[in-house]
Amino acid sequence: MSKYLEVIEELPKEFRYPIMKAFELLREELAETVKRSDFEELKGVVKELAEAQKRTEQRVEELTEVQKRTEESLESFKKTTEENFNRVWKTIDELAEAQKRTEQRVEELTEVQKRTEESLESFKKTTEENFNRVWKAIDELVEAQKRTEQRVDELVEAQKRTEQRVDELAEAQKRTEEEIRKLTKEQIKIKEELGGLSHTVGYRLEDEAFKALPSLLKQDFGITLVGKLKRDFLEIEPQKFIEVNIWGYGKKNGKEYTIIGEAKSQLKKKDIDEFLKKLEVIKKYIPKKQFPILVTYIAHPQVQSYAKEKNIKIYFSYEF
């Protein structure tokens, strides 16, 4: 009996009383019915229970270590979780502030959207009006295009008639050019004849002047001719000549003069200007004092006055 008690003493306290109670009941029952061999078998069972109890205690110790490590991990987890929660709450606070700003921005965007919708509505209305005007303009352009095409057709027909007329005008131009060529030949011939006649008239006027001027110069100015008056070319430079209608020399009171004259059938102001230029050219090469004379059939009073201002004597043919 003492051996069983020793075994029971090795069990945990919480198992001792129930097992003692069970063992006491078992013993009472065995006292009446169980044989020794059965009791030996029971001892084996109890022993196995004891071994199982040892393993259980070992497992409990292991579980205790695991529990300890679990508690340490849990403590670390709690600390980490707390820190994470602090960061989470901080982030939540920041998100809350951001949410407020977002809500404010959303309100601003709502106002912008409202204005945008109003602008869009106005744009739609304006666009519709513009499109109406565009379509109206297109319709007008279509009508104008029709009129243009009709006008083009008319212009094509007119162009055809114009080309036909141009061909006719080209033929007429050819005939006109031929007539002009003939008239040009006639004009050249007439000009040559008139030139010859003009020279004839001029030469005749000069010839008459050659006869009358000696006595007229003596009578009017006291100039006596030295030699005769003549028509000649004066060499003003080597191989460069100038034509002079009336040319000669005279004297008055011992002073020599170069008598230079021009003959014009109808004297004009430009003739006087050209004559003055000729006098200037001759003076560079013949420095003697000049006595200029102009001979003509007729001259306007204003031309006569101009000649007098330039100290040029005019003799008319009726004075010869």
C-alpha atoms as a PDB file:
ATOM      1  CA  MET A   1       0.000   0.000   0.000  1.00  0.00           C
ATOM      2  CA  SER A   2       2.902   2.330   0.790  1.00  0.00           C
ATOM      3  CA  LYS A   3       4.272   1.909  -2.748  1.00  0.00           C
ATOM      4  CA  TYR A   4       0.986   3.152  -4.224  1.00  0.00           C
ATOM      5  CA  LEU A   5       1.055   6.107  -1.898  1.00  0.00           C
ATOM      6  CA  GLU A   6       4.577   6.971  -3.024  1.00  0.00           C
ATOM      7  CA  VAL A   7       3.439   6.893  -6.619  1.00  0.00           C
ATOM      8  CA  ILE A   8       0.429   9.062  -5.826  1.00  0.00           C
ATOM      9  CA  GLU A   9       2.655  11.537  -3.918  1.00  0.00           C
ATOM     10  CA  GLU A  10       4.602  12.089  -7.128  1.00  0.00           C
ATOM     11  CA  LEU A  11       1.464  13.292  -8.882  1.00  0.00           C
ATOM     12  CA  PRO A  12       0.437  16.967  -8.892  1.00  0.00           C
ATOM     13  CA  LYS A  13      -1.662  18.052  -5.940  1.00  0.00           C
ATOM     14  CA  GLU A  14      -4.739  18.574  -8.033  1.00  0.00           C
ATOM     15  CA  PHE A  15      -4.573  14.936  -9.186  1.00  0.00           C
ATOM     16  CA  ARG A  16      -3.755  13.355  -5.834  1.00  0.00           C
ATOM     17  CA  TYR A  17      -7.109  13.508  -4.091  1.00  0.00           C
ATOM     18  CA  PRO A  18      -9.200  12.314  -7.061  1.00  0.00           C
ATOM     19  CA  ILE A  19      -6.804   9.422  -7.640  1.00  0.00           C
ATOM     20  CA  MET A  20      -6.678   8.576  -3.905  1.00  0.00           C
ATOM     21  CA  LYS A  21     -10.452   8.605  -3.875  1.00  0.00           C
ATOM     22  CA  ALA A  22     -10.654   6.473  -6.969  1.00  0.00           C
ATOM     23  CA  PHE A  23      -7.960   4.172  -5.661  1.00  0.00           C
ATOM     24  CA  GLU A  24      -9.827   3.796  -2.306  1.00  0.00           C
ATOM     25  CA  LEU A  25     -13.046   2.887  -4.084  1.00  0.00           C
ATOM     26  CA  LEU A  26     -11.147   0.535  -6.334  1.00  0.00           C
ATOM     27  CA  ARG A  27      -9.447  -1.048  -3.384  1.00  0.00           C
ATOM     28  CA  GLU A  28     -12.754  -1.641  -1.665  1.00  0.00           C
ATOM     29  CA  GLU A  29     -14.150  -3.238  -4.761  1.00  0.00           C
ATOM     30  CA  LEU A  30     -10.992  -5.255  -5.325  1.00  0.00           C
ATOM     31  CA  ALA A  31     -10.994  -6.431  -1.775  1.00  0.00           C
ATOM     32  CA  GLU A  32     -14.111  -8.290  -2.532  1.00  0.00           C
ATOM     33  CA  THR A  33     -13.577  -9.393  -6.082  1.00  0.00           C
ATOM     34  CA  VAL A  34     -10.108  -8.671  -7.591  1.00  0.00           C
ATOM     35  CA  LYS A  35      -7.417 -11.240  -7.594  1.00  0.00           C
ATOM     36  CA  ARG A  36      -3.713 -10.541  -7.090  1.00  0.00           C
ATOM     37  CA  SER A  37      -2.983 -10.809 -10.756  1.00  0.00           C
ATOM     38  CA  ASP A  38      -5.580  -8.166 -11.513  1.00  0.00           C
ATOM     39  CA  PHE A  39      -4.056  -5.985  -8.905  1.00  0.00           C
ATOM     40  CA  GLU A  40      -0.656  -6.339 -10.520  1.00  0.00           C
ATOM     41  CA  GLU A  41      -2.217  -5.250 -13.784  1.00  0.00           C
ATOM     42  CA  LEU A  42      -3.664  -2.250 -12.036  1.00  0.00           C
ATOM     43  CA  LYS A  43      -0.261  -1.395 -10.699  1.00  0.00           C
ATOM     44  CA  GLY A  44       1.011  -1.399 -14.248  1.00  0.00           C
ATOM     45  CA  VAL A  45      -1.737   0.946 -15.297  1.00  0.00           C
ATOM     46  CA  VAL A  46      -0.994   3.288 -12.440  1.00  0.00           C
ATOM     47  CA  LYS A  47       2.657   3.206 -13.342  1.00  0.00           C
ATOM     48  CA  GLU A  48       1.844   4.120 -16.929  1.00  0.00           C
ATOM     49  CA  LEU A  49      -0.312   6.911 -15.613  1.00  0.00           C
ATOM     50  CA  ALA A  50       2.613   8.116 -13.564  1.00  0.00           C
ATOM     51  CA  GLU A  51       4.875   8.047 -16.625  1.00  0.00           C
ATOM     52  CA  ALA A  52       2.236   9.874 -18.611  1.00  0.00           C
ATOM     53  CA  GLN A  53       2.057  12.397 -15.825  1.00  0.00           C
ATOM     54  CA  LYS A  54       5.811  12.984 -16.023  1.00  0.00           C
ATOM     55  CA  ARG A  55       5.572  13.506 -19.730  1.00  0.00           C
ATOM     56  CA  THR A  56       2.612  15.816 -19.137  1.00  0.00           C
ATOM     57  CA  GLU A  57       4.628  17.827 -16.611  1.00  0.00           C
ATOM     58  CA  GLN A  58       7.532  18.002 -19.047  1.00  0.00           C
ATOM     59  CA  ARG A  59       5.103  19.120 -21.737  1.00  0.00           C
ATOM     60  CA  VAL A  60       3.634  21.652 -19.326  1.00  0.00           C
ATOM     61  CA  GLU A  61       7.129  23.015 -18.650  1.00  0.00           C
ATOM     62  CA  GLU A  62       7.728  23.236 -22.366  1.00  0.00           C
ATOM     63  CA  LEU A  63       4.351  24.933 -22.765  1.00  0.00           C
ATOM     64  CA  THR A  64       5.320  27.233 -19.916  1.00  0.00           C
ATOM     65  CA  GLU A  65       8.505  28.218 -21.802  1.00  0.00           C
ATOM     66  CA  VAL A  66       6.493  28.631 -24.968  1.00  0.00           C
ATOM     67  CA  GLN A  67       3.945  30.675 -23.009  1.00  0.00           C
ATOM     68  CA  LYS A  68       6.773  32.799 -21.631  1.00  0.00           C
ATOM     69  CA  ARG A  69       8.196  33.388 -25.090  1.00  0.00           C
ATOM     70  CA  THR A  70       4.650  34.018 -26.337  1.00  0.00           C
ATOM     71  CA  GLU A  71       4.088  36.574 -23.605  1.00  0.00           C
ATOM     72  CA  GLU A  72       7.410  38.249 -24.490  1.00  0.00           C
ATOM     73  CA  SER A  73       6.454  38.238 -28.178  1.00  0.00           C
ATOM     74  CA  LEU A  74       3.011  39.483 -27.240  1.00  0.00           C
ATOM     75  CA  GLU A  75       4.560  42.256 -25.147  1.00  0.00           C
ATOM     76  CA  SER A  76       6.811  43.226 -28.079  1.00  0.00           C
ATOM     77  CA  PHE A  77       3.828  42.939 -30.398  1.00  0.00           C
ATOM     78  CA  LYS A  78       1.763  45.135 -28.040  1.00  0.00           C
ATOM     79  CA  LYS A  79       4.560  47.726 -27.962  1.00  0.00           C
ATOM     80  CA  THR A  80       5.003  47.575 -31.736  1.00  0.00           C
ATOM     81  CA  THR A  81       1.247  47.646 -32.195  1.00  0.00           C
ATOM     82  CA  GLU A  82       0.944  50.649 -29.922  1.00  0.00           C
ATOM     83  CA  GLU A  83       3.657  52.471 -31.844  1.00  0.00           C
ATOM     84  CA  ASN A  84       1.996  51.503 -35.094  1.00  0.00           C
ATOM     85  CA  PHE A  85      -1.350  52.671 -33.748  1.00  0.00           C
ATOM     86  CA  ASN A  86       0.250  55.968 -32.716  1.00  0.00           C
ATOM     87  CA  ARG A  87       1.601  56.389 -36.233  1.00  0.00           C
ATOM     88  CA  VAL A  88      -1.781  55.293 -37.610  1.00  0.00           C
ATOM     89  CA  TRP A  89      -3.618  57.850 -35.451  1.00  0.00           C
ATOM     90  CA  LYS A  90      -1.121  60.509 -36.439  1.00  0.00           C
ATOM     91  CA  THR A  91      -1.645  59.553 -40.089  1.00  0.00           C
ATOM     92  CA  ILE A  92      -5.407  59.579 -39.486  1.00  0.00           C
ATOM     93  CA  ASP A  93      -5.108  63.101 -38.026  1.00  0.00           C
ATOM     94  CA  GLU A  94      -3.081  64.169 -41.049  1.00  0.00           C
ATOM     95  CA  LEU A  95      -5.616  62.500 -43.330  1.00  0.00           C
ATOM     96  CA  ALA A  96      -8.381  64.315 -41.475  1.00  0.00           C
ATOM     97  CA  GLU A  97      -6.643  67.651 -42.116  1.00  0.00           C
ATOM     98  CA  ALA A  98      -6.040  66.625 -45.703  1.00  0.00           C
ATOM     99  CA  GLN A  99      -9.694  65.627 -45.925  1.00  0.00           C
ATOM    100  CA  LYS A 100     -10.706  69.074 -44.715  1.00  0.00           C
ATOM    101  CA  ARG A 101      -8.490  70.662 -47.357  1.00  0.00           C
ATOM    102  CA  THR A 102      -9.843  68.224 -49.923  1.00  0.00           C
ATOM    103  CA  GLU A 103     -13.419  69.085 -48.957  1.00  0.00           C
ATOM    104  CA  GLN A 104     -12.565  72.773 -49.266  1.00  0.00           C
ATOM    105  CA  ARG A 105     -10.957  72.106 -52.638  1.00  0.00           C
ATOM    106  CA  VAL A 106     -13.991  70.065 -53.652  1.00  0.00           C
ATOM    107  CA  GLU A 107     -16.202  73.017 -52.741  1.00  0.00           C
ATOM    108  CA  GLU A 108     -13.974  75.308 -54.809  1.00  0.00           C
ATOM    109  CA  LEU A 109     -14.045  72.817 -57.673  1.00  0.00           C
ATOM    110  CA  THR A 110     -17.813  72.639 -57.300  1.00  0.00           C
ATOM    111  CA  GLU A 111     -17.971  76.407 -57.773  1.00  0.00           C
ATOM    112  CA  VAL A 112     -15.581  76.172 -60.706  1.00  0.00           C
ATOM    113  CA  GLN A 113     -17.672  73.336 -62.145  1.00  0.00           C
ATOM    114  CA  LYS A 114     -20.766  75.454 -61.685  1.00  0.00           C
ATOM    115  CA  ARG A 115     -19.136  78.369 -63.517  1.00  0.00           C
ATOM    116  CA  THR A 116     -17.807  75.938 -66.126  1.00  0.00           C
ATOM    117  CA  GLU A 117     -21.280  74.565 -66.692  1.00  0.00           C
ATOM    118  CA  GLU A 118     -22.607  78.103 -67.008  1.00  0.00           C
ATOM    119  CA  SER A 119     -19.795  78.955 -69.458  1.00  0.00           C
ATOM    120  CA  LEU A 120     -20.433  75.705 -71.315  1.00  0.00           C
ATOM    121  CA  GLU A 121     -24.100  76.526 -71.548  1.00  0.00           C
ATOM    122  CA  SER A 122     -23.237  79.978 -72.869  1.00  0.00           C
ATOM    123  CA  PHE A 123     -20.687  78.429 -75.245  1.00  0.00           C
ATOM    124  CA  LYS A 124     -23.276  75.923 -76.469  1.00  0.00           C
ATOM    125  CA  LYS A 125     -25.707  78.725 -77.071  1.00  0.00           C
ATOM    126  CA  THR A 126     -23.074  80.870 -78.835  1.00  0.00           C
ATOM    127  CA  THR A 127     -21.873  77.866 -80.844  1.00  0.00           C
ATOM    128  CA  GLU A 128     -25.419  77.083 -81.905  1.00  0.00           C
ATOM    129  CA  GLU A 129     -25.909  80.684 -82.999  1.00  0.00           C
ATOM    130  CA  ASN A 130     -22.569  80.623 -84.842  1.00  0.00           C
ATOM    131  CA  PHE A 131     -23.463  77.374 -86.553  1.00  0.00           C
ATOM    132  CA  ASN A 132     -26.778  78.867 -87.595  1.00  0.00           C
ATOM    133  CA  ARG A 133     -24.926  81.827 -89.083  1.00  0.00           C
ATOM    134  CA  VAL A 134     -22.378  79.461 -90.691  1.00  0.00           C
ATOM    135  CA  TRP A 135     -25.098  77.354 -92.281  1.00  0.00           C
ATOM    136  CA  LYS A 136     -26.839  80.498 -93.432  1.00  0.00           C
ATOM    137  CA  ALA A 137     -23.549  81.733 -94.912  1.00  0.00           C
ATOM    138  CA  ILE A 138     -23.018  78.336 -96.548  1.00  0.00           C
ATOM    139  CA  ASP A 139     -26.467  78.536 -98.107  1.00  0.00           C
ATOM    140  CA  GLU A 140     -25.650  82.007 -99.351  1.00  0.00           C
ATOM    141  CA  LEU A 141     -22.305  80.754-100.703  1.00  0.00           C
ATOM    142  CA  VAL A 142     -24.055  77.895-102.472  1.00  0.00           C
ATOM    143  CA  GLU A 143     -26.377  80.387-104.135  1.00  0.00           C
ATOM    144  CA  ALA A 144     -23.430  82.648-104.927  1.00  0.00           C
ATOM    145  CA  GLN A 145     -21.560  79.642-106.339  1.00  0.00           C
ATOM    146  CA  LYS A 146     -24.493  78.898-108.596  1.00  0.00           C
ATOM    147  CA  ARG A 147     -24.524  82.489-109.784  1.00  0.00           C
ATOM    148  CA  THR A 148     -20.721  82.378-110.191  1.00  0.00           C
ATOM    149  CA  GLU A 149     -20.924  79.208-112.267  1.00  0.00           C
ATOM    150  CA  GLN A 150     -23.584  80.801-114.401  1.00  0.00           C
ATOM    151  CA  ARG A 151     -21.414  83.908-114.727  1.00  0.00           C
ATOM    152  CA  VAL A 152     -18.394  81.734-115.584  1.00  0.00           C
ATOM    153  CA  ASP A 153     -20.400  80.039-118.317  1.00  0.00           C
ATOM    154  CA  GLU A 154     -21.317  83.468-119.640  1.00  0.00           C
ATOM    155  CA  LEU A 155     -17.660  84.555-119.416  1.00  0.00           C
ATOM    156  CA  VAL A 156     -16.567  81.418-121.266  1.00  0.00           C
ATOM    157  CA  GLU A 157     -18.967  82.267-124.049  1.00  0.00           C
ATOM    158  CA  ALA A 158     -17.788  85.872-123.974  1.00  0.00           C
ATOM    159  CA  GLN A 159     -14.181  84.629-124.011  1.00  0.00           C
ATOM    160  CA  LYS A 160     -14.911  82.598-127.109  1.00  0.00           C
ATOM    161  CA  ARG A 161     -16.413  85.662-128.774  1.00  0.00           C
ATOM    162  CA  THR A 162     -13.442  87.727-127.539  1.00  0.00           C
ATOM    163  CA  GLU A 163     -10.942  85.242-128.959  1.00  0.00           C
ATOM    164  CA  GLN A 164     -12.780  85.358-132.254  1.00  0.00           C
ATOM    165  CA  ARG A 165     -12.728  89.137-132.085  1.00  0.00           C
ATOM    166  CA  VAL A 166      -9.005  89.087-131.163  1.00  0.00           C
ATOM    167  CA  ASP A 167      -8.301  86.953-134.205  1.00  0.00           C
ATOM    168  CA  GLU A 168     -10.200  89.482-136.305  1.00  0.00           C
ATOM    169  CA  LEU A 169      -8.284  92.327-134.616  1.00  0.00           C
ATOM    170  CA  ALA A 170      -4.997  90.495-135.210  1.00  0.00           C
ATOM    171  CA  GLU A 171      -5.787  90.361-138.883  1.00  0.00           C
ATOM    172  CA  ALA A 172      -6.813  94.008-138.795  1.00  0.00           C
ATOM    173  CA  GLN A 173      -3.577  94.790-136.868  1.00  0.00           C
ATOM    174  CA  LYS A 174      -1.544  93.125-139.574  1.00  0.00           C
ATOM    175  CA  ARG A 175      -3.294  95.215-142.184  1.00  0.00           C
ATOM    176  CA  THR A 176      -2.847  98.334-140.014  1.00  0.00           C
ATOM    177  CA  GLU A 177       0.870  97.610-139.526  1.00  0.00           C
ATOM    178  CA  GLU A 178       1.229  97.218-143.259  1.00  0.00           C
ATOM    179  CA  GLU A 179      -0.510 100.550-143.798  1.00  0.00           C
ATOM    180  CA  ILE A 180       1.649 102.154-141.072  1.00  0.00           C
ATOM    181  CA  ARG A 181       4.761 100.773-142.734  1.00  0.00           C
ATOM    182  CA  LYS A 182       3.654 102.331-145.993  1.00  0.00           C
ATOM    183  CA  LEU A 183       2.790 105.626-144.265  1.00  0.00           C
ATOM    184  CA  THR A 184       6.160 105.575-142.479  1.00  0.00           C
ATOM    185  CA  LYS A 185       7.935 105.278-145.782  1.00  0.00           C
ATOM    186  CA  GLU A 186       5.827 108.133-147.117  1.00  0.00           C
ATOM    187  CA  GLN A 187       6.498 110.158-143.950  1.00  0.00           C
ATOM    188  CA  ILE A 188      10.233 109.611-144.270  1.00  0.00           C
ATOM    189  CA  LYS A 189      10.028 110.667-147.877  1.00  0.00           C
ATOM    190  CA  ILE A 190       7.995 113.761-146.983  1.00  0.00           C
ATOM    191  CA  LYS A 191      10.385 114.581-144.118  1.00  0.00           C
ATOM    192  CA  GLU A 192      13.325 114.286-146.453  1.00  0.00           C
ATOM    193  CA  GLU A 193      11.559 116.526-148.922  1.00  0.00           C
ATOM    194  CA  LEU A 194      10.590 118.995-146.181  1.00  0.00           C
ATOM    195  CA  GLY A 195      14.116 118.861-144.823  1.00  0.00           C
ATOM    196  CA  GLY A 196      15.426 119.629-148.227  1.00  0.00           C
ATOM    197  CA  LEU A 197      12.858 122.374-148.594  1.00  0.00           C
ATOM    198  CA  SER A 198      13.731 123.702-145.125  1.00  0.00           C
ATOM    199  CA  HIS A 199      17.381 123.725-146.014  1.00  0.00           C
ATOM    200  CA  THR A 200      16.529 125.403-149.286  1.00  0.00           C
ATOM    201  CA  VAL A 201      14.490 128.056-147.475  1.00  0.00           C
ATOM    202  CA  GLY A 202      17.223 128.458-144.849  1.00  0.00           C
ATOM    203  CA  TYR A 203      19.965 128.638-147.407  1.00  0.00           C
ATOM    204  CA  ARG A 204      17.969 131.194-149.399  1.00  0.00           C
ATOM    205  CA  LEU A 205      17.482 133.288-146.244  1.00  0.00           C
ATOM    206  CA  GLU A 206      21.217 133.052-145.512  1.00  0.00           C
ATOM    207  CA  ASP A 207      22.102 133.921-149.112  1.00  0.00           C
ATOM    208  CA  GLU A 208      19.943 137.022-148.922  1.00  0.00           C
ATOM    209  CA  ALA A 209      21.550 137.892-145.562  1.00  0.00           C
ATOM    210  CA  PHE A 210      25.046 137.570-146.997  1.00  0.00           C
ATOM    211  CA  LYS A 211      24.104 140.277-149.554  1.00  0.00           C
ATOM    212  CA  ALA A 212      22.303 142.639-147.199  1.00  0.00           C
ATOM    213  CA  LEU A 213      24.208 142.354-143.885  1.00  0.00           C
ATOM    214  CA  PRO A 214      27.408 144.210-144.880  1.00  0.00           C
ATOM    215  CA  SER A 215      25.533 147.446-145.555  1.00  0.00           C
ATOM    216  CA  LEU A 216      23.102 146.920-142.635  1.00  0.00           C
ATOM    217  CA  LEU A 217      25.942 146.357-140.159  1.00  0.00           C
ATOM    218  CA  LYS A 218      27.741 149.415-141.482  1.00  0.00           C
ATOM    219  CA  GLN A 219      24.557 151.478-141.386  1.00  0.00           C
ATOM    220  CA  ASP A 220      23.229 150.316-137.998  1.00  0.00           C
ATOM    221  CA  PHE A 221      26.394 149.668-135.988  1.00  0.00           C
ATOM    222  CA  GLY A 222      29.279 151.194-137.936  1.00  0.00           C
ATOM    223  CA  ILE A 223      30.904 147.781-138.362  1.00  0.00           C
ATOM    224  CA  THR A 224      32.954 147.302-141.538  1.00  0.00           C
ATOM    225  CA  LEU A 225      33.365 143.744-142.771  1.00  0.00           C
ATOM    226  CA  VAL A 226      36.840 142.317-143.221  1.00  0.00           C
ATOM    227  CA  GLY A 227      36.420 139.940-146.111  1.00  0.00           C
ATOM    228  CA  LYS A 228      33.070 138.306-146.860  1.00  0.00           C
ATOM    229  CA  LEU A 229      30.462 136.545-144.755  1.00  0.00           C
ATOM    230  CA  LYS A 230      30.192 132.807-145.371  1.00  0.00           C
ATOM    231  CA  ARG A 231      28.518 129.556-144.296  1.00  0.00           C
ATOM    232  CA  ASP A 232      31.146 127.239-142.721  1.00  0.00           C
ATOM    233  CA  PHE A 233      32.220 124.568-140.180  1.00  0.00           C
ATOM    234  CA  LEU A 234      34.542 125.778-137.439  1.00  0.00           C
ATOM    235  CA  GLU A 235      37.077 123.320-135.997  1.00  0.00           C
ATOM    236  CA  ILE A 236      36.815 123.814-132.260  1.00  0.00           C
ATOM    237  CA  GLU A 237      38.921 120.726-131.441  1.00  0.00           C
ATOM    238  CA  PRO A 238      41.023 118.365-133.542  1.00  0.00           C
ATOM    239  CA  GLN A 239      38.552 116.570-135.834  1.00  0.00           C
ATOM    240  CA  LYS A 240      35.609 118.198-134.042  1.00  0.00           C
ATOM    241  CA  PHE A 241      33.567 120.778-135.962  1.00  0.00           C
ATOM    242  CA  ILE A 242      30.576 123.026-135.329  1.00  0.00           C
ATOM    243  CA  GLU A 243      28.332 124.368-138.102  1.00  0.00           C
ATOM    244  CA  VAL A 244      27.830 128.144-138.338  1.00  0.00           C
ATOM    245  CA  ASN A 245      25.232 129.606-140.752  1.00  0.00           C
ATOM    246  CA  ILE A 246      26.752 133.108-140.910  1.00  0.00           C
ATOM    247  CA  TRP A 247      30.419 133.652-140.168  1.00  0.00           C
ATOM    248  CA  GLY A 248      32.863 136.540-140.702  1.00  0.00           C
ATOM    249  CA  TYR A 249      34.986 139.276-139.179  1.00  0.00           C
ATOM    250  CA  GLY A 250      34.452 143.065-138.869  1.00  0.00           C
ATOM    251  CA  LYS A 251      36.027 146.174-137.390  1.00  0.00           C
ATOM    252  CA  LYS A 252      34.765 149.238-135.630  1.00  0.00           C
ATOM    253  CA  ASN A 253      36.977 152.040-134.456  1.00  0.00           C
ATOM    254  CA  GLY A 254      39.992 149.741-134.795  1.00  0.00           C
ATOM    255  CA  LYS A 255      38.401 146.983-132.671  1.00  0.00           C
ATOM    256  CA  GLU A 256      37.864 143.519-134.225  1.00  0.00           C
ATOM    257  CA  TYR A 257      34.623 141.547-133.934  1.00  0.00           C
ATOM    258  CA  THR A 258      33.659 137.987-134.763  1.00  0.00           C
ATOM    259  CA  ILE A 259      30.319 138.078-136.539  1.00  0.00           C
ATOM    260  CA  ILE A 260      28.300 134.932-135.837  1.00  0.00           C
ATOM    261  CA  GLY A 261      24.758 134.403-137.072  1.00  0.00           C
ATOM    262  CA  GLU A 262      21.959 131.845-137.438  1.00  0.00           C
ATOM    263  CA  ALA A 263      19.087 131.809-139.905  1.00  0.00           C
ATOM    264  CA  LYS A 264      15.652 130.435-138.878  1.00  0.00           C
ATOM    265  CA  SER A 265      12.536 130.630-140.989  1.00  0.00           C
ATOM    266  CA  GLN A 266      10.395 131.081-137.820  1.00  0.00           C
ATOM    267  CA  LEU A 267      12.420 132.137-134.793  1.00  0.00           C
ATOM    268  CA  LYS A 268      11.501 130.649-131.382  1.00  0.00           C
ATOM    269  CA  LYS A 269      12.790 131.064-127.852  1.00  0.00           C
ATOM    270  CA  LYS A 270      14.473 127.629-127.880  1.00  0.00           C
ATOM    271  CA  ASP A 271      16.360 128.681-131.035  1.00  0.00           C
ATOM    272  CA  ILE A 272      17.780 131.632-129.112  1.00  0.00           C
ATOM    273  CA  ASP A 273      18.817 129.382-126.187  1.00  0.00           C
ATOM    274  CA  GLU A 274      20.574 126.926-128.514  1.00  0.00           C
ATOM    275  CA  PHE A 275      22.295 129.839-130.269  1.00  0.00           C
ATOM    276  CA  LEU A 276      23.554 131.182-126.926  1.00  0.00           C
ATOM    277  CA  LYS A 277      25.051 127.765-126.097  1.00  0.00           C
ATOM    278  CA  LYS A 278      26.796 127.682-129.455  1.00  0.00           C
ATOM    279  CA  LEU A 279      28.244 131.151-128.811  1.00  0.00           C
ATOM    280  CA  GLU A 280      29.694 129.952-125.481  1.00  0.00           C
ATOM    281  CA  VAL A 281      31.350 126.965-127.163  1.00  0.00           C
ATOM    282  CA  ILE A 282      32.869 129.111-129.923  1.00  0.00           C
ATOM    283  CA  LYS A 283      34.110 131.709-127.414  1.00  0.00           C
ATOM    284  CA  LYS A 284      36.353 129.104-125.737  1.00  0.00           C
ATOM    285  CA  TYR A 285      38.313 128.668-128.974  1.00  0.00           C
ATOM    286  CA  ILE A 286      37.887 132.106-130.603  1.00  0.00           C
ATOM    287  CA  PRO A 287      38.174 134.673-127.798  1.00  0.00           C
ATOM    288  CA  LYS A 288      37.462 137.757-129.972  1.00  0.00           C
ATOM    289  CA  LYS A 289      34.455 139.868-129.048  1.00  0.00           C
ATOM    290  CA  GLN A 290      31.338 138.379-130.617  1.00  0.00           C
ATOM    291  CA  PHE A 291      28.630 140.201-132.522  1.00  0.00           C
ATOM    292  CA  PRO A 292      25.641 137.815-132.627  1.00  0.00           C
ATOM    293  CA  ILE A 293      22.943 138.058-135.321  1.00  0.00           C
ATOM    294  CA  LEU A 294      19.730 136.123-135.928  1.00  0.00           C
ATOM    295  CA  VAL A 295      18.007 136.223-139.294  1.00  0.00           C
ATOM    296  CA  THR A 296      14.370 135.164-139.733  1.00  0.00           C
ATOM    297  CA  TYR A 297      11.172 135.617-141.634  1.00  0.00           C
ATOM    298  CA  ILE A 298       9.049 136.047-138.510  1.00  0.00           C
ATOM    299  CA  ALA A 299       9.328 136.069-134.685  1.00  0.00           C
ATOM    300  CA  HIS A 300       6.777 136.555-131.898  1.00  0.00           C
ATOM    301  CA  PRO A 301       7.106 139.860-129.991  1.00  0.00           C
ATOM    302  CA  GLN A 302       8.016 137.976-126.795  1.00  0.00           C
ATOM    303  CA  VAL A 303      10.800 136.203-128.700  1.00  0.00           C
ATOM    304  CA  GLN A 304      12.036 139.543-129.999  1.00  0.00           C
ATOM    305  CA  SER A 305      12.100 140.940-126.460  1.00  0.00           C
ATOM    306  CA  TYR A 306      13.992 137.871-125.215  1.00  0.00           C
ATOM    307  CA  ALA A 307      16.609 138.283-127.975  1.00  0.00           C
ATOM    308  CA  LYS A 308      17.005 141.959-127.076  1.00  0.00           C
ATOM    309  CA  GLU A 309      17.571 141.019-123.396  1.00  0.00           C
ATOM    310  CA  LYS A 310      20.380 138.692-124.546  1.00  0.00           C
ATOM    311  CA  ASN A 311      21.953 141.479-126.717  1.00  0.00           C
ATOM    312  CA  ILE A 312      21.235 139.609-129.932  1.00  0.00           C
ATOM    313  CA  LYS A 313      20.317 141.585-133.061  1.00  0.00           C
ATOM    314  CA  ILE A 314      17.422 140.210-135.149  1.00  0.00           C
ATOM    315  CA  TYR A 315      17.191 141.017-138.842  1.00  0.00           C
ATOM    316  CA  PHE A 316      13.993 140.174-140.741  1.00  0.00           C
ATOM    317  CA  SER A 317      13.981 139.109-144.378  1.00  0.00           C
ATOM    318  CA  TYR A 318      11.857 142.103-145.379  1.00  0.00           C
ATOM    319  CA  GLU A 319      14.749 144.353-144.276  1.00  0.00           C
ATOM    320  CA  PHE A 320      17.046 142.907-146.923  1.00  0.00           C
END
